[in-house]
Amino acid sequence: MAPSGYDPSSLEEQPIPLPNAPIRHISERLSVQPPLSRRGNGPGVLVFLPGPSDEIAPSNGQKPLDPEPIQKWAEEGFAVAFLNNSRNHSAADLLTEAVNAFIDLGELLDTKDKFGIIVYEEAAIQSVYKAASSDPRFNCIIAYSESFTAVETTSNTALLLHTPESGQQSKFKSSFAKHYSYPVSSPSFVLPSSRDYEPGSAALAHSRSLVFLREHLGGPHFDLEAIWEEHTYFEFEDRSVAKTMATMVEQPYVNHIPTMTGGVGRENLTRFYRDHFIFSNPPDAKLQLVSRTVGPDRVVDEFVYHATHDRQVDWLLPGVPATGRKLSIAMLAVVNIRGDRLYNEHIWWDQASALKQANLLPSHVAYPTPEGNTNSKWLRLPVSGAESAEMLVDESKGTSNAMLGGGWGVVDVQD
């Protein structure tokens, strides 16, 4: 039987360690971060970080939750070799040193004959591309550039280029190149430590890069449905805060859009799950899945949340005492999964429908005339109750466009 409240002494609530693989320092210029996934192994990616003279500074004094590239790609399940400063070094020598470091990882590296490259340093792009073109072990490159008008060599090495929209349009000589542009001012938009960091474009570029790397390196691939279902099992059935948090990356977040409840960062989210979510749900709460779309790093669910409002459900109806009403609320979850753990959840629903089903929203409100008279006209609110969830599940269980007919909008009397 699932617990009804949080018990810190319970075996179910003992802290579960996060994946931990210390960085290996290979030389003055090269280090390796093994994968930070629960699986613990993966393919290798060599990352060229911006040099010390590049214009990088925190934005607005607030550190974004998004981690820096090394941790982020390691959480995706890659072994990440990285160079803090590649200037004044032979690109070919750096690639050879990186391959040797990858091979030394042993079982932590699951693909030993092909590797990828990600270049965040503008000045290194051309030399790295030329070196990789001569080294068949590196079969794909991702680069962030201000503008890049031509690749000066014909090569079968796949190239993915991310640039600002203001940059000069690319004219690749290689048929293996792909280019995306973004409404940003600098190629540093993807770096959380940059003053030009733009989270929306950064997330999009990261997803595109992840697809590109998996295509050319053969992985890593994870069962996103199983990861999401494991998470919801610990939330709604097992009801364990520790196990729920163990399915998430080091710094995750959850945002219930209508009520702005959830938590940003591990400490805040743990507190939210413990005090306002897992044990706030009624015992008969259940999720009825309607549809599921699975992408490379996201699961999107349409579902109906069913529950009896027999207690204060903080995340759904904050501050509202129990009404005893049955609730069936259509919801949408957009779940971002990084590697084999959750990064964030965006959960949506119609709050007006939730209020109506809890008998907290009137069907009509006084509607003022142009003269300010509120006694003669009423507005019937265009809000549906449980019937909207029923029609989501089965389109034959509802009537389309009923609100477009008579009796809705401004009326003389309440029906």
Protein backbone atom coordinates (compact mmCIF):
# COMPACT_ATOMS: atom_id res chain seq x y z
CA MET A 1 0.00 0.00 0.00
CA ALA A 2 1.36 3.43 -0.95
CA PRO A 3 2.18 5.76 1.96
CA SER A 4 -0.19 8.65 2.73
CA GLY A 5 2.56 10.99 3.92
CA TYR A 6 6.29 11.58 3.86
CA ASP A 7 8.37 9.53 6.28
CA PRO A 8 12.07 10.44 6.11
CA SER A 9 12.99 7.28 8.04
CA SER A 10 11.30 5.00 5.49
CA LEU A 11 13.53 2.78 3.38
CA GLU A 12 11.60 4.12 0.37
CA GLU A 13 12.82 7.64 1.10
CA GLN A 14 16.53 7.08 1.57
CA PRO A 15 18.61 9.24 -0.81
CA ILE A 16 19.57 7.57 -4.09
CA PRO A 17 22.98 8.68 -5.42
CA LEU A 18 23.10 10.42 -8.78
CA PRO A 19 25.38 9.07 -11.52
CA ASN A 20 28.90 10.17 -10.63
CA ALA A 21 31.93 9.81 -12.89
CA PRO A 22 34.86 12.10 -12.01
CA ILE A 23 36.56 14.05 -14.78
CA ARG A 24 39.83 12.50 -15.93
CA HIS A 25 42.62 15.00 -16.65
CA ILE A 26 44.66 13.59 -19.52
CA SER A 27 47.05 16.49 -20.13
CA GLU A 28 47.29 20.25 -19.68
CA ARG A 29 44.94 20.77 -22.59
CA LEU A 30 42.70 17.67 -22.59
CA SER A 31 40.25 16.19 -20.06
CA VAL A 32 37.54 13.52 -20.31
CA GLN A 33 34.17 13.40 -18.61
CA PRO A 34 32.73 9.85 -18.69
CA PRO A 35 28.97 9.51 -19.26
CA LEU A 36 26.69 10.83 -16.51
CA SER A 37 23.75 8.59 -17.36
CA ARG A 38 22.40 5.75 -15.27
CA ARG A 39 23.55 3.41 -18.05
CA GLY A 40 27.10 4.66 -17.55
CA ASN A 41 28.57 4.11 -21.02
CA GLY A 42 28.20 5.69 -24.43
CA PRO A 43 29.92 6.96 -27.60
CA GLY A 44 32.65 9.59 -27.58
CA VAL A 45 32.36 13.28 -28.48
CA LEU A 46 35.25 15.73 -28.60
CA VAL A 47 34.28 19.27 -27.56
CA PHE A 48 36.24 22.42 -28.42
CA LEU A 49 35.25 25.02 -25.80
CA PRO A 50 35.61 28.79 -26.26
CA GLY A 51 39.04 30.18 -25.54
CA PRO A 52 39.77 32.46 -22.56
CA SER A 53 39.66 35.62 -24.67
CA ASP A 54 36.15 34.97 -25.97
CA GLU A 55 33.46 37.30 -24.69
CA ILE A 56 31.75 35.12 -22.11
CA ALA A 57 30.06 36.55 -19.04
CA PRO A 58 27.13 35.62 -16.81
CA SER A 59 23.80 37.04 -17.97
CA ASN A 60 22.03 39.37 -15.51
CA GLY A 61 23.97 37.87 -12.63
CA GLN A 62 21.68 34.82 -12.60
CA LYS A 63 22.99 31.38 -13.46
CA PRO A 64 20.62 29.47 -15.77
CA LEU A 65 19.54 25.99 -14.72
CA ASP A 66 20.82 24.65 -18.06
CA PRO A 67 24.30 23.16 -17.43
CA GLU A 68 27.41 23.95 -19.40
CA PRO A 69 28.13 21.76 -22.48
CA ILE A 70 30.39 19.15 -20.84
CA GLN A 71 27.90 18.16 -18.15
CA LYS A 72 24.96 18.43 -20.54
CA TRP A 73 26.41 16.09 -23.17
CA ALA A 74 27.61 13.69 -20.46
CA GLU A 75 24.06 13.60 -19.05
CA GLU A 76 22.88 12.77 -22.56
CA GLY A 77 24.99 9.63 -22.28
CA PHE A 78 28.16 10.61 -24.16
CA ALA A 79 31.77 10.30 -23.06
CA VAL A 80 33.02 13.87 -23.50
CA ALA A 81 36.65 14.77 -24.19
CA PHE A 82 37.13 18.53 -24.01
CA LEU A 83 39.73 21.16 -24.71
CA ASN A 84 39.68 24.45 -22.86
CA ASN A 85 42.03 26.10 -25.31
CA SER A 86 42.92 24.56 -28.66
CA ARG A 87 44.71 27.60 -30.05
CA ASN A 88 48.34 27.20 -31.10
CA HIS A 89 47.92 23.41 -31.20
CA SER A 90 47.74 21.11 -34.21
CA ALA A 91 44.13 20.04 -34.73
CA ALA A 92 45.27 16.67 -36.07
CA ASP A 93 47.36 16.04 -32.94
CA LEU A 94 44.41 17.01 -30.71
CA LEU A 95 42.14 14.54 -32.49
CA THR A 96 44.67 11.73 -32.06
CA GLU A 97 45.12 12.54 -28.37
CA ALA A 98 41.35 12.53 -27.89
CA VAL A 99 40.92 9.12 -29.56
CA ASN A 100 43.59 7.63 -27.30
CA ALA A 101 41.83 9.09 -24.25
CA PHE A 102 38.52 7.64 -25.42
CA ILE A 103 39.98 4.17 -25.92
CA ASP A 104 41.48 4.29 -22.42
CA LEU A 105 37.92 4.54 -21.02
CA GLY A 106 37.50 0.84 -21.71
CA GLU A 107 33.94 -0.37 -21.06
CA LEU A 108 32.71 3.19 -20.47
CA LEU A 109 33.04 3.70 -24.24
CA ASP A 110 30.56 1.59 -26.20
CA THR A 111 31.64 2.64 -29.71
CA LYS A 112 35.35 2.54 -30.44
CA ASP A 113 35.54 3.12 -34.18
CA LYS A 114 33.69 6.41 -34.68
CA PHE A 115 33.53 9.69 -32.81
CA GLY A 116 31.90 13.09 -33.08
CA ILE A 117 33.12 16.67 -32.66
CA ILE A 118 31.35 19.76 -31.31
CA VAL A 119 33.09 23.12 -31.87
CA TYR A 120 32.01 26.11 -29.80
CA GLU A 121 35.18 28.07 -30.65
CA GLU A 122 34.77 30.03 -33.87
CA ALA A 123 38.50 30.25 -34.64
CA ALA A 124 38.92 26.47 -34.55
CA ILE A 125 36.15 25.45 -36.94
CA GLN A 126 38.08 25.46 -40.22
CA SER A 127 41.20 23.71 -38.92
CA VAL A 128 39.18 21.11 -37.03
CA TYR A 129 37.04 20.38 -40.09
CA LYS A 130 40.13 19.90 -42.26
CA ALA A 131 41.78 17.62 -39.67
CA ALA A 132 38.63 15.54 -39.25
CA SER A 133 38.32 15.20 -43.02
CA SER A 134 41.63 13.34 -42.97
CA ASP A 135 40.75 11.19 -39.93
CA PRO A 136 38.01 8.63 -40.72
CA ARG A 137 37.49 7.93 -37.02
CA PHE A 138 35.65 11.27 -36.76
CA ASN A 139 32.58 11.08 -38.95
CA CYS A 140 30.53 14.10 -37.86
CA ILE A 141 31.07 17.69 -36.72
CA ILE A 142 28.74 20.22 -35.09
CA ALA A 143 29.84 23.86 -35.12
CA TYR A 144 28.47 27.14 -33.78
CA SER A 145 29.62 30.01 -35.98
CA GLU A 146 28.98 33.70 -36.62
CA SER A 147 29.03 33.03 -40.35
CA PHE A 148 30.68 30.42 -42.47
CA THR A 149 30.48 31.00 -46.19
CA ALA A 150 32.27 27.90 -47.44
CA VAL A 151 33.90 24.70 -46.35
CA GLU A 152 37.28 24.77 -48.00
CA THR A 153 37.51 21.06 -48.63
CA THR A 154 35.38 18.37 -50.14
CA SER A 155 34.72 15.74 -47.51
CA ASN A 156 32.37 12.96 -46.53
CA THR A 157 32.47 14.15 -42.93
CA ALA A 158 28.94 15.18 -41.96
CA LEU A 159 28.67 18.79 -40.79
CA LEU A 160 25.90 20.49 -38.81
CA LEU A 161 26.24 24.28 -38.54
CA HIS A 162 24.31 26.58 -36.19
CA THR A 163 24.48 30.34 -36.89
CA PRO A 164 22.61 33.55 -36.07
CA GLU A 165 20.09 34.61 -38.71
CA SER A 166 22.14 37.77 -39.18
CA GLY A 167 25.15 35.75 -40.28
CA GLN A 168 26.09 35.33 -43.92
CA GLN A 169 24.22 32.42 -45.47
CA SER A 170 26.25 29.24 -45.82
CA LYS A 171 27.24 27.97 -49.25
CA PHE A 172 28.67 24.54 -48.53
CA LYS A 173 30.71 22.72 -51.11
CA SER A 174 30.07 19.49 -49.23
CA SER A 175 26.77 17.70 -49.86
CA PHE A 176 27.03 16.30 -46.33
CA ALA A 177 26.37 19.67 -44.65
CA LYS A 178 23.26 20.87 -42.84
CA HIS A 179 22.62 24.42 -41.64
CA TYR A 180 20.20 25.98 -39.13
CA SER A 181 19.93 29.66 -38.23
CA TYR A 182 18.37 31.26 -35.16
CA PRO A 183 17.02 34.70 -34.16
CA VAL A 184 20.03 35.43 -31.94
CA SER A 185 22.89 37.91 -32.00
CA SER A 186 25.83 35.59 -31.37
CA PRO A 187 26.84 31.94 -31.83
CA SER A 188 27.37 31.89 -28.05
CA PHE A 189 23.58 31.73 -27.65
CA VAL A 190 23.88 28.05 -26.69
CA LEU A 191 26.30 28.62 -23.78
CA PRO A 192 24.56 29.25 -20.40
CA SER A 193 27.57 31.24 -19.18
CA SER A 194 27.33 33.66 -22.10
CA ARG A 195 25.63 37.04 -21.91
CA ASP A 196 24.10 36.11 -25.28
CA TYR A 197 22.53 32.89 -23.97
CA GLU A 198 18.98 32.41 -25.33
CA PRO A 199 17.26 29.39 -23.74
CA GLY A 200 14.64 28.74 -26.42
CA SER A 201 17.07 28.70 -29.33
CA ALA A 202 19.65 26.85 -27.24
CA ALA A 203 17.17 24.07 -26.49
CA LEU A 204 16.20 23.76 -30.16
CA ALA A 205 19.83 23.67 -31.33
CA HIS A 206 20.64 21.05 -28.68
CA SER A 207 17.80 18.78 -29.80
CA ARG A 208 18.89 19.07 -33.44
CA SER A 209 22.49 18.32 -32.47
CA LEU A 210 21.41 15.30 -30.43
CA VAL A 211 19.54 13.84 -33.41
CA PHE A 212 22.59 14.49 -35.62
CA LEU A 213 25.02 12.78 -33.24
CA ARG A 214 22.79 9.75 -32.71
CA GLU A 215 22.37 9.36 -36.46
CA HIS A 216 26.10 9.30 -37.14
CA LEU A 217 27.39 7.61 -33.97
CA GLY A 218 24.62 5.05 -33.63
CA GLY A 219 23.44 6.27 -30.23
CA PRO A 220 23.04 6.52 -27.38
CA HIS A 221 19.38 5.54 -27.56
CA PHE A 222 17.09 5.24 -24.55
CA ASP A 223 13.52 4.05 -24.05
CA LEU A 224 11.92 7.43 -23.32
CA GLU A 225 8.48 5.94 -22.70
CA ALA A 226 9.86 3.59 -20.04
CA ILE A 227 11.74 6.44 -18.36
CA TRP A 228 8.61 8.63 -18.22
CA GLU A 229 6.39 5.78 -17.00
CA GLU A 230 8.93 4.91 -14.29
CA HIS A 231 8.80 8.53 -13.11
CA THR A 232 4.98 8.67 -12.96
CA TYR A 233 4.85 5.28 -11.21
CA PHE A 234 6.99 6.63 -8.39
CA GLU A 235 4.83 9.79 -8.26
CA PHE A 236 1.32 8.31 -8.29
CA GLU A 237 1.58 4.65 -7.28
CA ASP A 238 4.71 4.06 -5.21
CA ARG A 239 4.58 7.66 -3.91
CA SER A 240 8.27 8.02 -3.11
CA VAL A 241 10.00 11.39 -3.24
CA ALA A 242 13.49 9.87 -3.31
CA LYS A 243 12.71 7.45 -6.13
CA THR A 244 10.93 10.14 -8.14
CA MET A 245 13.91 12.48 -7.88
CA ALA A 246 16.29 9.65 -8.81
CA THR A 247 14.67 9.59 -12.27
CA MET A 248 15.76 13.21 -12.88
CA VAL A 249 19.03 14.92 -13.82
CA GLU A 250 21.11 16.83 -11.29
CA GLN A 251 19.21 20.10 -11.73
CA PRO A 252 15.67 19.49 -13.07
CA TYR A 253 12.52 21.57 -13.02
CA VAL A 254 8.74 21.15 -13.22
CA ASN A 255 6.29 23.87 -14.24
CA HIS A 256 2.52 23.44 -13.98
CA ILE A 257 1.68 26.26 -16.37
CA PRO A 258 -1.84 27.32 -15.17
CA THR A 259 -0.91 27.57 -11.47
CA MET A 260 2.85 28.17 -11.80
CA THR A 261 3.48 25.45 -9.22
CA GLY A 262 6.46 23.10 -9.33
CA GLY A 263 10.10 23.72 -8.61
CA VAL A 264 13.26 24.94 -10.32
CA GLY A 265 16.40 23.14 -9.26
CA ARG A 266 16.84 19.94 -7.28
CA GLU A 267 16.34 21.39 -3.80
CA ASN A 268 13.20 23.33 -4.70
CA LEU A 269 11.68 20.50 -6.71
CA THR A 270 12.35 17.93 -3.97
CA ARG A 271 10.58 20.22 -1.48
CA PHE A 272 7.65 20.67 -3.87
CA TYR A 273 7.23 16.93 -4.47
CA ARG A 274 7.47 16.23 -0.73
CA ASP A 275 5.18 18.98 0.58
CA HIS A 276 2.79 19.83 -2.26
CA PHE A 277 2.50 17.07 -4.86
CA ILE A 278 3.11 13.39 -4.19
CA PHE A 279 1.13 13.22 -0.95
CA SER A 280 -1.26 15.99 -2.02
CA ASN A 281 -2.89 13.81 -4.66
CA PRO A 282 -6.10 12.05 -3.54
CA PRO A 283 -5.83 8.28 -3.10
CA ASP A 284 -8.04 7.64 -6.13
CA ALA A 285 -6.00 9.92 -8.43
CA LYS A 286 -5.15 8.27 -11.75
CA LEU A 287 -3.93 9.25 -15.20
CA GLN A 288 -5.87 8.08 -18.26
CA LEU A 289 -3.54 8.20 -21.28
CA VAL A 290 -5.22 9.36 -24.50
CA SER A 291 -2.28 9.79 -26.87
CA ARG A 292 1.51 9.83 -26.76
CA THR A 293 4.07 11.32 -29.11
CA VAL A 294 7.71 10.32 -28.63
CA GLY A 295 10.51 12.44 -30.10
CA PRO A 296 14.29 12.22 -29.80
CA ASP A 297 14.34 13.91 -26.39
CA ARG A 298 10.70 14.54 -25.50
CA VAL A 299 7.51 12.69 -24.67
CA VAL A 300 4.22 14.54 -25.21
CA ASP A 301 1.17 13.02 -23.53
CA GLU A 302 -2.51 13.88 -23.81
CA PHE A 303 -4.21 12.47 -20.74
CA VAL A 304 -7.08 12.92 -18.30
CA TYR A 305 -6.40 13.46 -14.60
CA HIS A 306 -9.15 11.77 -12.57
CA ALA A 307 -9.52 12.36 -8.84
CA THR A 308 -11.98 13.12 -6.06
CA HIS A 309 -11.25 16.53 -4.55
CA ASP A 310 -11.30 15.20 -0.98
CA ARG A 311 -8.35 17.28 0.21
CA GLN A 312 -6.45 20.41 -0.72
CA VAL A 313 -4.59 19.57 -3.93
CA ASP A 314 -1.89 22.25 -3.79
CA TRP A 315 -0.53 21.99 -7.31
CA LEU A 316 -3.96 21.93 -9.01
CA LEU A 317 -6.19 24.15 -6.84
CA PRO A 318 -3.80 25.99 -4.50
CA GLY A 319 -5.39 27.10 -1.25
CA VAL A 320 -8.77 25.55 -2.09
CA PRO A 321 -10.22 23.30 0.67
CA ALA A 322 -11.73 19.95 -0.25
CA THR A 323 -15.01 20.19 -2.13
CA GLY A 324 -15.70 16.47 -2.48
CA ARG A 325 -16.29 16.92 -6.20
CA LYS A 326 -15.24 14.42 -8.85
CA LEU A 327 -12.68 15.87 -11.27
CA SER A 328 -11.85 14.74 -14.81
CA ILE A 329 -9.44 17.27 -16.29
CA ALA A 330 -7.89 17.07 -19.76
CA MET A 331 -4.16 17.71 -19.54
CA LEU A 332 -1.04 17.90 -21.72
CA ALA A 333 2.48 17.03 -20.59
CA VAL A 334 5.61 18.01 -22.52
CA VAL A 335 8.46 16.09 -20.92
CA ASN A 336 12.11 16.77 -21.79
CA ILE A 337 14.35 13.75 -21.18
CA ARG A 338 18.12 14.10 -21.13
CA GLY A 339 19.82 10.75 -21.61
CA ASP A 340 17.97 8.32 -19.35
CA ARG A 341 16.63 10.87 -16.85
CA LEU A 342 14.07 13.68 -16.91
CA TYR A 343 15.20 17.30 -17.23
CA ASN A 344 11.88 19.14 -17.18
CA GLU A 345 8.11 18.81 -17.31
CA HIS A 346 5.69 21.41 -18.70
CA ILE A 347 2.15 20.42 -17.66
CA TRP A 348 -0.89 22.21 -19.13
CA TRP A 349 -4.63 22.13 -18.45
CA ASP A 350 -7.69 24.39 -18.57
CA GLN A 351 -7.87 25.94 -15.10
CA ALA A 352 -11.36 27.30 -15.78
CA SER A 353 -12.58 23.73 -16.30
CA ALA A 354 -10.92 22.63 -13.05
CA LEU A 355 -12.63 25.48 -11.16
CA LYS A 356 -15.99 24.70 -12.74
CA GLN A 357 -15.77 21.02 -11.84
CA ALA A 358 -14.90 21.96 -8.26
CA ASN A 359 -18.04 24.16 -8.25
CA LEU A 360 -15.94 27.29 -7.71
CA LEU A 361 -16.73 29.11 -10.96
CA PRO A 362 -20.18 30.55 -11.67
CA SER A 363 -21.84 29.76 -14.99
CA HIS A 364 -22.79 33.45 -15.46
CA VAL A 365 -21.26 36.76 -14.41
CA ALA A 366 -22.81 40.21 -14.47
CA TYR A 367 -22.09 41.96 -17.75
CA PRO A 368 -22.00 45.76 -17.68
CA THR A 369 -23.80 47.70 -20.40
CA PRO A 370 -22.03 50.63 -22.08
CA GLU A 371 -23.77 52.82 -19.50
CA GLY A 372 -22.26 50.78 -16.66
CA ASN A 373 -25.49 49.01 -15.68
CA THR A 374 -24.66 45.51 -14.37
CA ASN A 375 -28.20 44.46 -13.45
CA SER A 376 -29.78 43.78 -16.83
CA LYS A 377 -27.28 41.62 -18.72
CA TRP A 378 -25.39 38.45 -17.91
CA LEU A 379 -22.46 36.76 -19.61
CA ARG A 380 -22.56 32.97 -19.75
CA LEU A 381 -18.93 31.97 -19.48
CA PRO A 382 -17.61 29.79 -22.34
CA VAL A 383 -16.21 27.14 -20.00
CA SER A 384 -16.74 23.38 -20.20
CA GLY A 385 -16.53 20.84 -17.40
CA ALA A 386 -15.84 17.10 -17.40
CA GLU A 387 -17.53 16.84 -20.79
CA SER A 388 -14.42 18.31 -22.42
CA ALA A 389 -12.34 15.43 -21.04
CA GLU A 390 -14.95 12.93 -22.19
CA MET A 391 -14.80 14.30 -25.72
CA LEU A 392 -11.00 14.15 -25.68
CA VAL A 393 -11.17 10.44 -24.89
CA ASP A 394 -13.98 9.73 -27.38
CA GLU A 395 -14.99 12.32 -29.98
CA SER A 396 -18.47 10.79 -30.18
CA LYS A 397 -19.16 11.66 -26.53
CA GLY A 398 -19.56 15.39 -27.10
CA THR A 399 -21.15 18.00 -29.33
CA SER A 400 -18.94 20.38 -31.31
CA ASN A 401 -19.74 24.11 -31.43
CA ALA A 402 -22.44 24.05 -28.75
CA MET A 403 -21.06 27.31 -27.38
CA LEU A 404 -21.61 28.94 -30.77
CA GLY A 405 -25.37 28.48 -30.46
CA GLY A 406 -28.06 30.23 -28.50
CA GLY A 407 -27.92 30.66 -24.75
CA TRP A 408 -24.22 31.52 -24.69
CA GLY A 409 -22.50 34.91 -24.52
CA VAL A 410 -24.49 37.94 -23.35
CA VAL A 411 -27.98 36.96 -22.22
CA ASP A 412 -30.83 38.74 -20.48
CA VAL A 413 -31.22 36.27 -17.64
CA GLN A 414 -29.27 33.38 -16.15
CA ASP A 415 -30.35 30.02 -17.55
